[in-house]
Amino acid sequence: MVFPLRDSVRTRRRPWVTWGLIAANLLVFLGQVAAQESVYSLFELFAVVPERTLAPGFWLATGGWPLVTLFSSIFFHGSWVHLLGNMLYLWVFGDNVEDLLGHGRYLFFYLACGVLANMAHIFANPTSPVPTIGASGAVAGVLGAYLLSFPSARVLTLLQLGIIIPAVPVRAWLFLAVWFGVQLFSGLSPIWAMDEAQNVAFWAHISGFISGFALMRLLRPEPKAPLPGR
């Protein structure tokens, strides 16, 4: 297993949106903990459920509520490990993407990646009745944007090699290529094995990453041309 600790790219402004997203995810999870057994009712209400999302009758009966879940599900998590893993990646890579896009454009980018990731999961599992939650798709979009923008940056990474866990600087393109390769292999594994069962929304991760890469190309501001000299 690998865990990013920090990257080598400095930012020019404070990442208020990234910090706000992390705080929002933490607050929602604390609310889940406080809800105790009724948390499953929250999941039923705010999570993405593919079979419902693709059912026109459910849209009509609920006034289009599945559209809300495409956004709300991004802020819920199934465990502390799930939450902290996503927030660690967002902390390390999100500030630099926000620095490039600016606060407002970055917030739109993050939410759009999360929604596109959820849609990919829905179409990959159209009959699934399982509620799906997590910021992984949106965070994957941040990783895709980071790969496009800072491929040569160095990421200080914890590598678990048995009982030895060294911290090693790794080029961002290599770190993220390995991450994406693991998601792609995991997403395709049930197809190769002729098995439809999959507990992790790997296609949401894959779609989020590709969406982030593509959206970054569309949203990144053009560099300002220097003013002509007198």
Protein backbone atom coordinates (compact mmCIF):
# COMPACT_ATOMS: atom_id res chain seq x y z
CA MET A 1 0.00 0.00 0.00
CA VAL A 2 1.10 3.58 -0.66
CA PHE A 3 0.13 6.79 1.14
CA PRO A 4 1.01 10.31 -0.06
CA LEU A 5 2.32 12.65 2.63
CA ARG A 6 3.01 15.88 0.75
CA ASP A 7 4.02 17.17 -2.67
CA SER A 8 6.72 19.53 -3.85
CA VAL A 9 4.49 22.16 -5.51
CA ARG A 10 4.02 25.41 -3.63
CA THR A 11 0.75 27.33 -3.77
CA ARG A 12 0.22 31.07 -4.14
CA ARG A 13 -3.04 31.32 -2.17
CA ARG A 14 -4.74 29.57 0.67
CA PRO A 15 -6.90 26.61 -0.43
CA TRP A 16 -10.09 27.72 1.30
CA VAL A 17 -12.34 25.45 -0.77
CA THR A 18 -10.20 22.36 -0.18
CA TRP A 19 -10.16 23.07 3.55
CA GLY A 20 -13.91 23.68 3.47
CA LEU A 21 -14.57 20.40 1.65
CA ILE A 22 -12.47 18.49 4.16
CA ALA A 23 -14.32 20.17 7.04
CA ALA A 24 -17.70 19.41 5.44
CA ASN A 25 -16.83 15.74 5.01
CA LEU A 26 -15.65 15.52 8.62
CA LEU A 27 -18.79 17.20 9.94
CA VAL A 28 -21.07 14.93 7.92
CA PHE A 29 -19.21 11.86 9.18
CA LEU A 30 -19.48 13.05 12.78
CA GLY A 31 -23.20 13.41 12.13
CA GLN A 32 -23.24 9.81 10.88
CA VAL A 33 -21.51 8.66 14.07
CA ALA A 34 -24.02 10.59 16.19
CA ALA A 35 -26.91 9.04 14.25
CA GLN A 36 -25.79 5.55 15.36
CA GLU A 37 -28.24 2.90 14.08
CA SER A 38 -30.33 5.41 12.13
CA VAL A 39 -27.34 6.11 9.90
CA TYR A 40 -28.65 3.46 7.50
CA SER A 41 -31.76 5.58 7.01
CA LEU A 42 -29.46 8.48 6.05
CA PHE A 43 -27.71 6.27 3.52
CA GLU A 44 -31.05 5.24 2.02
CA LEU A 45 -31.96 8.91 1.67
CA PHE A 46 -28.71 10.55 0.57
CA ALA A 47 -26.72 7.77 -1.15
CA VAL A 48 -26.79 6.92 -4.84
CA VAL A 49 -28.82 3.77 -5.51
CA PRO A 50 -28.32 2.82 -9.18
CA GLU A 51 -31.58 0.92 -9.69
CA ARG A 52 -33.57 3.88 -8.34
CA THR A 53 -31.64 6.48 -10.29
CA LEU A 54 -32.45 4.76 -13.59
CA ALA A 55 -36.12 4.26 -12.71
CA PRO A 56 -38.30 7.08 -14.17
CA GLY A 57 -41.10 6.14 -11.78
CA PHE A 58 -38.90 6.80 -8.77
CA TRP A 59 -37.94 10.23 -10.16
CA LEU A 60 -41.61 11.14 -10.54
CA ALA A 61 -42.59 9.76 -7.13
CA THR A 62 -39.82 11.68 -5.31
CA GLY A 63 -39.81 14.91 -7.29
CA GLY A 64 -36.40 14.19 -8.86
CA TRP A 65 -34.64 13.31 -5.59
CA PRO A 66 -32.04 11.05 -7.33
CA LEU A 67 -30.54 14.24 -8.78
CA VAL A 68 -29.86 15.44 -5.23
CA THR A 69 -28.18 12.16 -4.30
CA LEU A 70 -25.66 12.59 -7.13
CA PHE A 71 -24.28 15.47 -5.02
CA SER A 72 -25.14 14.49 -1.45
CA SER A 73 -23.54 11.05 -1.66
CA ILE A 74 -20.14 12.71 -2.22
CA PHE A 75 -20.07 13.88 1.42
CA PHE A 76 -20.90 10.56 3.13
CA HIS A 77 -18.45 7.78 4.02
CA GLY A 78 -18.72 4.23 5.24
CA SER A 79 -15.92 4.27 7.85
CA TRP A 80 -13.11 6.32 9.34
CA VAL A 81 -10.64 4.56 7.03
CA HIS A 82 -12.77 5.44 3.99
CA LEU A 83 -13.05 9.07 5.10
CA LEU A 84 -9.43 9.64 6.14
CA GLY A 85 -8.06 7.97 3.00
CA ASN A 86 -10.07 10.27 0.74
CA MET A 87 -9.28 13.37 2.80
CA LEU A 88 -5.55 12.60 2.81
CA TYR A 89 -5.48 12.56 -0.99
CA LEU A 90 -7.60 15.71 -1.15
CA TRP A 91 -5.28 17.45 1.33
CA VAL A 92 -2.13 16.58 -0.61
CA PHE A 93 -3.33 17.24 -4.16
CA GLY A 94 -6.37 19.52 -3.88
CA ASP A 95 -4.62 22.74 -2.88
CA ASN A 96 -2.54 22.86 -6.06
CA VAL A 97 -5.51 22.23 -8.35
CA GLU A 98 -7.47 24.92 -6.50
CA ASP A 99 -4.52 27.28 -6.87
CA LEU A 100 -4.63 26.88 -10.65
CA LEU A 101 -8.40 27.07 -11.10
CA GLY A 102 -9.34 29.60 -8.44
CA HIS A 103 -11.84 28.98 -5.66
CA GLY A 104 -15.15 29.13 -7.55
CA ARG A 105 -14.04 27.20 -10.59
CA TYR A 106 -12.41 24.58 -8.38
CA LEU A 107 -15.60 24.00 -6.39
CA PHE A 108 -17.56 23.53 -9.63
CA PHE A 109 -14.82 21.19 -10.89
CA TYR A 110 -14.87 19.06 -7.72
CA LEU A 111 -18.64 18.65 -7.66
CA ALA A 112 -18.78 17.96 -11.42
CA CYS A 113 -16.18 15.21 -11.11
CA GLY A 114 -18.14 13.67 -8.24
CA VAL A 115 -21.39 13.69 -10.23
CA LEU A 116 -19.76 12.26 -13.37
CA ALA A 117 -18.14 9.54 -11.27
CA ASN A 118 -21.49 8.66 -9.73
CA MET A 119 -23.09 8.48 -13.16
CA ALA A 120 -20.38 6.10 -14.35
CA HIS A 121 -21.01 3.87 -11.35
CA ILE A 122 -24.76 3.89 -12.04
CA PHE A 123 -24.36 2.85 -15.68
CA ALA A 124 -21.77 0.20 -14.76
CA ASN A 125 -24.16 -1.27 -12.17
CA PRO A 126 -27.67 -0.37 -13.41
CA THR A 127 -29.55 -2.97 -11.37
CA SER A 128 -27.67 -2.56 -8.09
CA PRO A 129 -29.86 -1.84 -5.04
CA VAL A 130 -26.81 -1.06 -2.89
CA PRO A 131 -26.50 2.55 -1.63
CA THR A 132 -23.19 4.06 -2.76
CA ILE A 133 -21.39 6.85 -0.89
CA GLY A 134 -17.99 8.49 -0.76
CA ALA A 135 -15.88 11.34 -2.12
CA SER A 136 -13.59 8.95 -4.00
CA GLY A 137 -14.88 9.91 -7.46
CA ALA A 138 -14.51 13.63 -6.83
CA VAL A 139 -11.05 13.14 -5.29
CA ALA A 140 -10.09 11.00 -8.28
CA GLY A 141 -10.96 13.98 -10.46
CA VAL A 142 -8.50 16.07 -8.47
CA LEU A 143 -5.83 13.42 -9.12
CA GLY A 144 -6.53 13.49 -12.85
CA ALA A 145 -6.20 17.28 -12.89
CA TYR A 146 -2.98 17.09 -10.89
CA LEU A 147 -1.49 14.59 -13.34
CA LEU A 148 -2.20 16.94 -16.23
CA SER A 149 -0.86 20.02 -14.44
CA PHE A 150 2.09 18.78 -12.35
CA PRO A 151 3.40 15.51 -13.84
CA SER A 152 6.99 16.19 -12.77
CA ALA A 153 6.22 17.15 -9.17
CA ARG A 154 7.56 14.94 -6.41
CA VAL A 155 5.21 13.22 -3.99
CA LEU A 156 6.65 12.07 -0.68
CA THR A 157 5.12 8.62 -0.34
CA LEU A 158 4.95 6.00 2.39
CA LEU A 159 5.62 2.57 0.91
CA GLN A 160 4.56 -0.43 2.94
CA LEU A 161 7.19 -3.12 2.39
CA GLY A 162 6.33 -5.70 5.01
CA ILE A 163 7.27 -4.30 8.41
CA ILE A 164 9.40 -1.58 6.77
CA ILE A 165 7.55 1.61 5.76
CA PRO A 166 10.01 4.06 4.16
CA ALA A 167 9.09 7.56 2.94
CA VAL A 168 10.23 7.86 -0.67
CA PRO A 169 9.92 10.82 -3.10
CA VAL A 170 8.12 9.64 -6.26
CA ARG A 171 7.36 11.55 -9.44
CA ALA A 172 3.69 12.51 -9.57
CA TRP A 173 3.14 10.93 -12.98
CA LEU A 174 4.40 7.58 -11.70
CA PHE A 175 2.44 7.73 -8.44
CA LEU A 176 -0.80 8.62 -10.22
CA ALA A 177 -0.25 6.20 -13.10
CA VAL A 178 0.12 3.36 -10.59
CA TRP A 179 -2.98 4.54 -8.72
CA PHE A 180 -5.02 4.66 -11.92
CA GLY A 181 -3.68 1.29 -13.07
CA VAL A 182 -4.83 -0.33 -9.82
CA GLN A 183 -8.31 1.16 -10.24
CA LEU A 184 -8.54 0.02 -13.87
CA PHE A 185 -7.36 -3.51 -13.08
CA SER A 186 -9.78 -3.74 -10.16
CA GLY A 187 -12.65 -2.42 -12.26
CA LEU A 188 -12.04 -4.95 -15.02
CA SER A 189 -11.44 -7.92 -12.73
CA PRO A 190 -15.12 -8.91 -12.34
CA ILE A 191 -15.47 -8.85 -16.13
CA TRP A 192 -12.51 -11.16 -16.60
CA ALA A 193 -13.75 -13.44 -13.83
CA MET A 194 -17.36 -13.36 -15.15
CA ASP A 195 -18.45 -12.13 -11.72
CA GLU A 196 -20.77 -9.15 -11.26
CA ALA A 197 -20.05 -8.74 -7.52
CA GLN A 198 -17.96 -5.68 -6.61
CA ASN A 199 -17.99 -3.90 -3.26
CA VAL A 200 -15.95 -0.84 -4.30
CA ALA A 201 -17.11 1.62 -6.97
CA PHE A 202 -13.95 1.35 -9.06
CA TRP A 203 -15.66 2.67 -12.18
CA ALA A 204 -16.52 5.81 -10.26
CA HIS A 205 -12.80 6.21 -9.49
CA ILE A 206 -11.86 5.61 -13.13
CA SER A 207 -14.48 7.98 -14.49
CA GLY A 208 -13.67 10.63 -11.89
CA PHE A 209 -9.98 10.53 -12.82
CA ILE A 210 -10.66 10.81 -16.57
CA SER A 211 -13.26 13.54 -15.98
CA GLY A 212 -10.80 15.52 -13.88
CA PHE A 213 -8.13 15.27 -16.57
CA ALA A 214 -10.58 16.43 -19.26
CA LEU A 215 -12.26 19.17 -17.22
CA MET A 216 -8.90 20.60 -16.22
CA ARG A 217 -8.10 21.15 -19.88
CA LEU A 218 -11.41 23.00 -20.30
CA LEU A 219 -11.43 25.05 -17.10
CA ARG A 220 -7.79 25.97 -16.54
CA PRO A 221 -7.32 29.68 -17.22
CA GLU A 222 -5.09 30.62 -20.13
CA PRO A 223 -1.80 32.22 -19.03
CA LYS A 224 -1.97 35.98 -19.31
CA ALA A 225 0.11 37.48 -22.08
CA PRO A 226 2.72 39.99 -20.91
CA LEU A 227 1.81 43.63 -21.41
CA PRO A 228 3.63 45.25 -24.34
CA GLY A 229 6.55 47.40 -23.37
CA ARG A 230 6.65 51.11 -24.00
